[in-house]
Amino acid sequence: PKSAASTGFAFHVANSAPATPAPAYAAQGSAAV
């Protein structure tokens, strides 16, 4: 939990800011998660 905090906090900020959804995950051709 301690070493993962930076990633978790940053991900919260990333999803708090408006952005155009786009696939960013998994094998090629997969849908947005």
PDB file of all heavy atoms in Angstrom:
ATOM      1  N   PRO A   1       0.807  -1.230   0.000  1.00  0.00           N
ATOM      2  CA  PRO A   1       0.000   0.000   0.000  1.00  0.00           C
ATOM      3  C   PRO A   1       0.835   1.273   0.000  1.00  0.00           C
ATOM      4  O   PRO A   1       0.462   2.260  -0.636  1.00  0.00           O
ATOM      5  CB  PRO A   1      -0.820  -0.126   1.289  1.00  0.00           C
ATOM      6  CG  PRO A   1      -0.814  -1.574   1.620  1.00  0.00           C
ATOM      7  CD  PRO A   1       0.484  -2.110   1.124  1.00  0.00           C
ATOM      8  N   LYS A   2       1.963   1.279   0.692  1.00  0.00           N
ATOM      9  CA  LYS A   2       2.761   2.503   0.773  1.00  0.00           C
ATOM     10  C   LYS A   2       3.428   2.828  -0.549  1.00  0.00           C
ATOM     11  O   LYS A   2       3.385   3.961  -1.022  1.00  0.00           O
ATOM     12  CB  LYS A   2       3.804   2.365   1.890  1.00  0.00           C
ATOM     13  CG  LYS A   2       3.194   2.378   3.278  1.00  0.00           C
ATOM     14  CD  LYS A   2       4.250   2.511   4.353  1.00  0.00           C
ATOM     15  CE  LYS A   2       3.616   2.639   5.727  1.00  0.00           C
ATOM     16  NZ  LYS A   2       4.625   2.800   6.800  1.00  0.00           N
ATOM     17  N   SER A   3       4.076   1.840  -1.179  1.00  0.00           N
ATOM     18  CA  SER A   3       4.778   2.125  -2.430  1.00  0.00           C
ATOM     19  C   SER A   3       3.806   2.323  -3.587  1.00  0.00           C
ATOM     20  O   SER A   3       4.158   2.947  -4.598  1.00  0.00           O
ATOM     21  CB  SER A   3       5.756   0.994  -2.765  1.00  0.00           C
ATOM     22  OG  SER A   3       5.080  -0.223  -2.971  1.00  0.00           O
ATOM     23  N   ALA A   4       2.576   1.801  -3.469  1.00  0.00           N
ATOM     24  CA  ALA A   4       1.590   1.960  -4.539  1.00  0.00           C
ATOM     25  C   ALA A   4       0.843   3.283  -4.460  1.00  0.00           C
ATOM     26  O   ALA A   4       0.099   3.635  -5.383  1.00  0.00           O
ATOM     27  CB  ALA A   4       0.580   0.808  -4.490  1.00  0.00           C
ATOM     28  N   ALA A   5       1.047   4.037  -3.378  1.00  0.00           N
ATOM     29  CA  ALA A   5       0.259   5.252  -3.162  1.00  0.00           C
ATOM     30  C   ALA A   5       0.430   6.264  -4.285  1.00  0.00           C
ATOM     31  O   ALA A   5      -0.547   6.891  -4.718  1.00  0.00           O
ATOM     32  CB  ALA A   5       0.631   5.880  -1.818  1.00  0.00           C
ATOM     33  N   SER A   6       1.660   6.439  -4.769  1.00  0.00           N
ATOM     34  CA  SER A   6       1.902   7.431  -5.816  1.00  0.00           C
ATOM     35  C   SER A   6       1.082   7.119  -7.054  1.00  0.00           C
ATOM     36  O   SER A   6       0.467   8.004  -7.661  1.00  0.00           O
ATOM     37  CB  SER A   6       3.388   7.479  -6.177  1.00  0.00           C
ATOM     38  OG  SER A   6       4.151   7.870  -5.074  1.00  0.00           O
ATOM     39  N   THR A   7       1.066   5.853  -7.456  1.00  0.00           N
ATOM     40  CA  THR A   7       0.295   5.446  -8.626  1.00  0.00           C
ATOM     41  C   THR A   7      -1.191   5.663  -8.397  1.00  0.00           C
ATOM     42  O   THR A   7      -1.896   6.161  -9.275  1.00  0.00           O
ATOM     43  CB  THR A   7       0.558   3.967  -8.942  1.00  0.00           C
ATOM     44  OG1 THR A   7       1.964   3.766  -9.115  1.00  0.00           O
ATOM     45  CG2 THR A   7      -0.164   3.538 -10.196  1.00  0.00           C
ATOM     46  N   GLY A   8      -1.669   5.294  -7.206  1.00  0.00           N
ATOM     47  CA  GLY A   8      -3.089   5.451  -6.925  1.00  0.00           C
ATOM     48  C   GLY A   8      -3.529   6.897  -6.925  1.00  0.00           C
ATOM     49  O   GLY A   8      -4.566   7.247  -7.499  1.00  0.00           O
ATOM     50  N   PHE A   9      -2.752   7.772  -6.284  1.00  0.00           N
ATOM     51  CA  PHE A   9      -3.095   9.187  -6.259  1.00  0.00           C
ATOM     52  C   PHE A   9      -3.069   9.784  -7.656  1.00  0.00           C
ATOM     53  O   PHE A   9      -3.938  10.573  -8.033  1.00  0.00           O
ATOM     54  CB  PHE A   9      -2.126   9.949  -5.353  1.00  0.00           C
ATOM     55  CG  PHE A   9      -2.301   9.669  -3.887  1.00  0.00           C
ATOM     56  CD1 PHE A   9      -1.250   9.820  -3.006  1.00  0.00           C
ATOM     57  CD2 PHE A   9      -3.525   9.249  -3.388  1.00  0.00           C
ATOM     58  CE1 PHE A   9      -1.409   9.565  -1.655  1.00  0.00           C
ATOM     59  CE2 PHE A   9      -3.696   8.989  -2.043  1.00  0.00           C
ATOM     60  CZ  PHE A   9      -2.640   9.142  -1.179  1.00  0.00           C
ATOM     61  N   ALA A  10      -2.059   9.410  -8.445  1.00  0.00           N
ATOM     62  CA  ALA A  10      -1.957   9.942  -9.810  1.00  0.00           C
ATOM     63  C   ALA A  10      -3.128   9.469 -10.667  1.00  0.00           C
ATOM     64  O   ALA A  10      -3.680  10.228 -11.474  1.00  0.00           O
ATOM     65  CB  ALA A  10      -0.635   9.512 -10.441  1.00  0.00           C
ATOM     66  N   PHE A  11      -3.530   8.231 -10.493  1.00  0.00           N
ATOM     67  CA  PHE A  11      -4.643   7.707 -11.278  1.00  0.00           C
ATOM     68  C   PHE A  11      -5.943   8.413 -10.915  1.00  0.00           C
ATOM     69  O   PHE A  11      -6.797   8.662 -11.770  1.00  0.00           O
ATOM     70  CB  PHE A  11      -4.760   6.199 -11.049  1.00  0.00           C
ATOM     71  CG  PHE A  11      -5.461   5.481 -12.156  1.00  0.00           C
ATOM     72  CD1 PHE A  11      -5.079   5.666 -13.465  1.00  0.00           C
ATOM     73  CD2 PHE A  11      -6.507   4.616 -11.894  1.00  0.00           C
ATOM     74  CE1 PHE A  11      -5.716   4.995 -14.496  1.00  0.00           C
ATOM     75  CE2 PHE A  11      -7.147   3.938 -12.905  1.00  0.00           C
ATOM     76  CZ  PHE A  11      -6.747   4.130 -14.213  1.00  0.00           C
ATOM     77  N   HIS A  12      -6.073   8.769  -9.631  1.00  0.00           N
ATOM     78  CA  HIS A  12      -7.258   9.534  -9.219  1.00  0.00           C
ATOM     79  C   HIS A  12      -7.301  10.882  -9.922  1.00  0.00           C
ATOM     80  O   HIS A  12      -8.340  11.302 -10.420  1.00  0.00           O
ATOM     81  CB  HIS A  12      -7.236   9.726  -7.710  1.00  0.00           C
ATOM     82  CG  HIS A  12      -8.246  10.719  -7.221  1.00  0.00           C
ATOM     83  ND1 HIS A  12      -9.601  10.549  -7.399  1.00  0.00           N
ATOM     84  CD2 HIS A  12      -8.096  11.910  -6.579  1.00  0.00           C
ATOM     85  CE1 HIS A  12     -10.250  11.591  -6.882  1.00  0.00           C
ATOM     86  NE2 HIS A  12      -9.355  12.422  -6.387  1.00  0.00           N
ATOM     87  N   VAL A  13      -6.138  11.561  -9.979  1.00  0.00           N
ATOM     88  CA  VAL A  13      -6.091  12.855 -10.664  1.00  0.00           C
ATOM     89  C   VAL A  13      -6.415  12.671 -12.144  1.00  0.00           C
ATOM     90  O   VAL A  13      -7.156  13.454 -12.742  1.00  0.00           O
ATOM     91  CB  VAL A  13      -4.698  13.503 -10.503  1.00  0.00           C
ATOM     92  CG1 VAL A  13      -4.637  14.826 -11.250  1.00  0.00           C
ATOM     93  CG2 VAL A  13      -4.393  13.719  -9.036  1.00  0.00           C
ATOM     94  N   ALA A  14      -5.836  11.639 -12.761  1.00  0.00           N
ATOM     95  CA  ALA A  14      -6.043  11.406 -14.188  1.00  0.00           C
ATOM     96  C   ALA A  14      -7.514  11.202 -14.506  1.00  0.00           C
ATOM     97  O   ALA A  14      -8.004  11.638 -15.550  1.00  0.00           O
ATOM     98  CB  ALA A  14      -5.238  10.192 -14.641  1.00  0.00           C
ATOM     99  N   ASN A  15      -8.247  10.549 -13.622  1.00  0.00           N
ATOM    100  CA  ASN A  15      -9.657  10.298 -13.875  1.00  0.00           C
ATOM    101  C   ASN A  15     -10.558  11.413 -13.359  1.00  0.00           C
ATOM    102  O   ASN A  15     -11.750  11.412 -13.613  1.00  0.00           O
ATOM    103  CB  ASN A  15     -10.063   8.959 -13.257  1.00  0.00           C
ATOM    104  CG  ASN A  15      -9.591   7.796 -14.090  1.00  0.00           C
ATOM    105  OD1 ASN A  15     -10.222   7.418 -15.054  1.00  0.00           O
ATOM    106  ND2 ASN A  15      -8.439   7.248 -13.744  1.00  0.00           N
ATOM    107  N   SER A  16      -9.976  12.357 -12.608  1.00  0.00           N
ATOM    108  CA  SER A  16     -10.748  13.531 -12.200  1.00  0.00           C
ATOM    109  C   SER A  16     -10.776  14.571 -13.307  1.00  0.00           C
ATOM    110  O   SER A  16     -11.700  15.374 -13.392  1.00  0.00           O
ATOM    111  CB  SER A  16     -10.128  14.158 -10.941  1.00  0.00           C
ATOM    112  OG  SER A  16     -10.172  13.255  -9.867  1.00  0.00           O
ATOM    113  N   ALA A  17      -9.739  14.565 -14.157  1.00  0.00           N
ATOM    114  CA  ALA A  17      -9.660  15.545 -15.233  1.00  0.00           C
ATOM    115  C   ALA A  17     -10.404  15.032 -16.455  1.00  0.00           C
ATOM    116  O   ALA A  17     -10.348  13.852 -16.773  1.00  0.00           O
ATOM    117  CB  ALA A  17      -8.198  15.803 -15.594  1.00  0.00           C
ATOM    118  N   PRO A  18     -11.138  15.895 -17.175  1.00  0.00           N
ATOM    119  CA  PRO A  18     -11.856  15.455 -18.363  1.00  0.00           C
ATOM    120  C   PRO A  18     -10.891  15.067 -19.468  1.00  0.00           C
ATOM    121  O   PRO A  18      -9.881  15.715 -19.700  1.00  0.00           O
ATOM    122  CB  PRO A  18     -12.668  16.698 -18.763  1.00  0.00           C
ATOM    123  CG  PRO A  18     -11.914  17.839 -18.174  1.00  0.00           C
ATOM    124  CD  PRO A  18     -11.294  17.337 -16.919  1.00  0.00           C
ATOM    125  N   ALA A  19     -11.180  13.994 -20.122  1.00  0.00           N
ATOM    126  CA  ALA A  19     -10.359  13.536 -21.235  1.00  0.00           C
ATOM    127  C   ALA A  19     -11.220  12.704 -22.164  1.00  0.00           C
ATOM    128  O   ALA A  19     -12.238  12.154 -21.769  1.00  0.00           O
ATOM    129  CB  ALA A  19      -9.173  12.723 -20.740  1.00  0.00           C
ATOM    130  N   THR A  20     -10.806  12.626 -23.402  1.00  0.00           N
ATOM    131  CA  THR A  20     -11.567  11.855 -24.377  1.00  0.00           C
ATOM    132  C   THR A  20     -11.276  10.376 -24.194  1.00  0.00           C
ATOM    133  O   THR A  20     -10.125   9.949 -24.318  1.00  0.00           O
ATOM    134  CB  THR A  20     -11.173  12.264 -25.810  1.00  0.00           C
ATOM    135  OG1 THR A  20     -11.362  13.654 -25.935  1.00  0.00           O
ATOM    136  CG2 THR A  20     -12.007  11.508 -26.819  1.00  0.00           C
ATOM    137  N   PRO A  21     -12.274   9.554 -23.857  1.00  0.00           N
ATOM    138  CA  PRO A  21     -12.012   8.142 -23.631  1.00  0.00           C
ATOM    139  C   PRO A  21     -11.443   7.496 -24.888  1.00  0.00           C
ATOM    140  O   PRO A  21     -11.875   7.759 -25.993  1.00  0.00           O
ATOM    141  CB  PRO A  21     -13.403   7.575 -23.281  1.00  0.00           C
ATOM    142  CG  PRO A  21     -14.173   8.759 -22.787  1.00  0.00           C
ATOM    143  CD  PRO A  21     -13.677   9.916 -23.596  1.00  0.00           C
ATOM    144  N   ALA A  22     -10.464   6.641 -24.663  1.00  0.00           N
ATOM    145  CA  ALA A  22      -9.858   5.912 -25.769  1.00  0.00           C
ATOM    146  C   ALA A  22      -9.299   4.623 -25.230  1.00  0.00           C
ATOM    147  O   ALA A  22      -8.946   4.536 -24.066  1.00  0.00           O
ATOM    148  CB  ALA A  22      -8.747   6.748 -26.410  1.00  0.00           C
ATOM    149  N   PRO A  23      -9.228   3.603 -26.043  1.00  0.00           N
ATOM    150  CA  PRO A  23      -8.697   2.334 -25.553  1.00  0.00           C
ATOM    151  C   PRO A  23      -7.265   2.512 -25.065  1.00  0.00           C
ATOM    152  O   PRO A  23      -6.438   3.105 -25.727  1.00  0.00           O
ATOM    153  CB  PRO A  23      -8.746   1.426 -26.792  1.00  0.00           C
ATOM    154  CG  PRO A  23      -9.763   2.054 -27.682  1.00  0.00           C
ATOM    155  CD  PRO A  23      -9.666   3.527 -27.436  1.00  0.00           C
ATOM    156  N   ALA A  24      -7.005   1.998 -23.850  1.00  0.00           N
ATOM    157  CA  ALA A  24      -5.661   2.124 -23.299  1.00  0.00           C
ATOM    158  C   ALA A  24      -5.225   0.836 -22.642  1.00  0.00           C
ATOM    159  O   ALA A  24      -4.340   0.836 -21.818  1.00  0.00           O
ATOM    160  CB  ALA A  24      -5.634   3.254 -22.279  1.00  0.00           C
ATOM    161  N   TYR A  25      -5.834  -0.276 -23.020  1.00  0.00           N
ATOM    162  CA  TYR A  25      -5.659  -1.452 -22.193  1.00  0.00           C
ATOM    163  C   TYR A  25      -5.786  -2.718 -23.000  1.00  0.00           C
ATOM    164  O   TYR A  25      -6.511  -2.789 -23.986  1.00  0.00           O
ATOM    165  CB  TYR A  25      -6.716  -1.422 -21.087  1.00  0.00           C
ATOM    166  CG  TYR A  25      -7.044  -2.748 -20.463  1.00  0.00           C
ATOM    167  CD1 TYR A  25      -6.141  -3.337 -19.582  1.00  0.00           C
ATOM    168  CD2 TYR A  25      -8.235  -3.386 -20.731  1.00  0.00           C
ATOM    169  CE1 TYR A  25      -6.451  -4.541 -18.989  1.00  0.00           C
ATOM    170  CE2 TYR A  25      -8.537  -4.588 -20.135  1.00  0.00           C
ATOM    171  CZ  TYR A  25      -7.637  -5.163 -19.260  1.00  0.00           C
ATOM    172  OH  TYR A  25      -7.943  -6.345 -18.675  1.00  0.00           O
ATOM    173  N   ALA A  26      -5.040  -3.723 -22.554  1.00  0.00           N
ATOM    174  CA  ALA A  26      -5.192  -5.105 -22.993  1.00  0.00           C
ATOM    175  C   ALA A  26      -4.694  -5.318 -24.408  1.00  0.00           C
ATOM    176  O   ALA A  26      -3.994  -4.511 -24.987  1.00  0.00           O
ATOM    177  CB  ALA A  26      -6.637  -5.569 -22.843  1.00  0.00           C
ATOM    178  N   ALA A  27      -5.083  -6.458 -24.962  1.00  0.00           N
ATOM    179  CA  ALA A  27      -4.588  -6.848 -26.275  1.00  0.00           C
ATOM    180  C   ALA A  27      -5.155  -5.933 -27.346  1.00  0.00           C
ATOM    181  O   ALA A  27      -6.147  -5.246 -27.158  1.00  0.00           O
ATOM    182  CB  ALA A  27      -4.980  -8.302 -26.556  1.00  0.00           C
ATOM    183  N   GLN A  28      -4.498  -5.949 -28.504  1.00  0.00           N
ATOM    184  CA  GLN A  28      -4.932  -5.076 -29.576  1.00  0.00           C
ATOM    185  C   GLN A  28      -6.379  -5.384 -29.942  1.00  0.00           C
ATOM    186  O   GLN A  28      -6.806  -6.526 -30.013  1.00  0.00           O
ATOM    187  CB  GLN A  28      -4.027  -5.280 -30.790  1.00  0.00           C
ATOM    188  CG  GLN A  28      -2.597  -4.797 -30.522  1.00  0.00           C
ATOM    189  CD  GLN A  28      -1.701  -5.037 -31.700  1.00  0.00           C
ATOM    190  OE1 GLN A  28      -2.073  -5.718 -32.649  1.00  0.00           O
ATOM    191  NE2 GLN A  28      -0.505  -4.480 -31.634  1.00  0.00           N
ATOM    192  N   GLY A  29      -7.108  -4.311 -30.178  1.00  0.00           N
ATOM    193  CA  GLY A  29      -8.497  -4.467 -30.588  1.00  0.00           C
ATOM    194  C   GLY A  29      -9.475  -4.518 -29.453  1.00  0.00           C
ATOM    195  O   GLY A  29     -10.669  -4.621 -29.672  1.00  0.00           O
ATOM    196  N   SER A  30      -9.008  -4.472 -28.185  1.00  0.00           N
ATOM    197  CA  SER A  30      -9.932  -4.527 -27.064  1.00  0.00           C
ATOM    198  C   SER A  30     -10.578  -3.171 -26.844  1.00  0.00           C
ATOM    199  O   SER A  30     -10.070  -2.135 -27.214  1.00  0.00           O
ATOM    200  CB  SER A  30      -9.193  -4.954 -25.782  1.00  0.00           C
ATOM    201  OG  SER A  30      -8.265  -3.978 -25.428  1.00  0.00           O
ATOM    202  N   ALA A  31     -11.714  -3.199 -26.177  1.00  0.00           N
ATOM    203  CA  ALA A  31     -12.460  -1.962 -25.926  1.00  0.00           C
ATOM    204  C   ALA A  31     -11.899  -1.244 -24.723  1.00  0.00           C
ATOM    205  O   ALA A  31     -11.144  -1.779 -23.939  1.00  0.00           O
ATOM    206  CB  ALA A  31     -13.933  -2.296 -25.702  1.00  0.00           C
ATOM    207  N   ALA A  32     -12.317   0.027 -24.585  1.00  0.00           N
ATOM    208  CA  ALA A  32     -11.897   0.789 -23.413  1.00  0.00           C
ATOM    209  C   ALA A  32     -12.418   0.127 -22.161  1.00  0.00           C
ATOM    210  O   ALA A  32     -13.475  -0.469 -22.136  1.00  0.00           O
ATOM    211  CB  ALA A  32     -12.433   2.217 -23.512  1.00  0.00           C
ATOM    212  N   VAL A  33     -11.661   0.261 -21.096  1.00  0.00           N
ATOM    213  CA  VAL A  33     -12.003  -0.399 -19.848  1.00  0.00           C
ATOM    214  C   VAL A  33     -12.635   0.586 -18.888  1.00  0.00           C
ATOM    215  O   VAL A  33     -12.173   1.709 -18.752  1.00  0.00           O
ATOM    216  CB  VAL A  33     -10.722  -0.999 -19.211  1.00  0.00           C
ATOM    217  CG1 VAL A  33     -11.027  -1.585 -17.869  1.00  0.00           C
ATOM    218  CG2 VAL A  33     -10.151  -2.052 -20.138  1.00  0.00           C
TER     219      VAL A  33
END
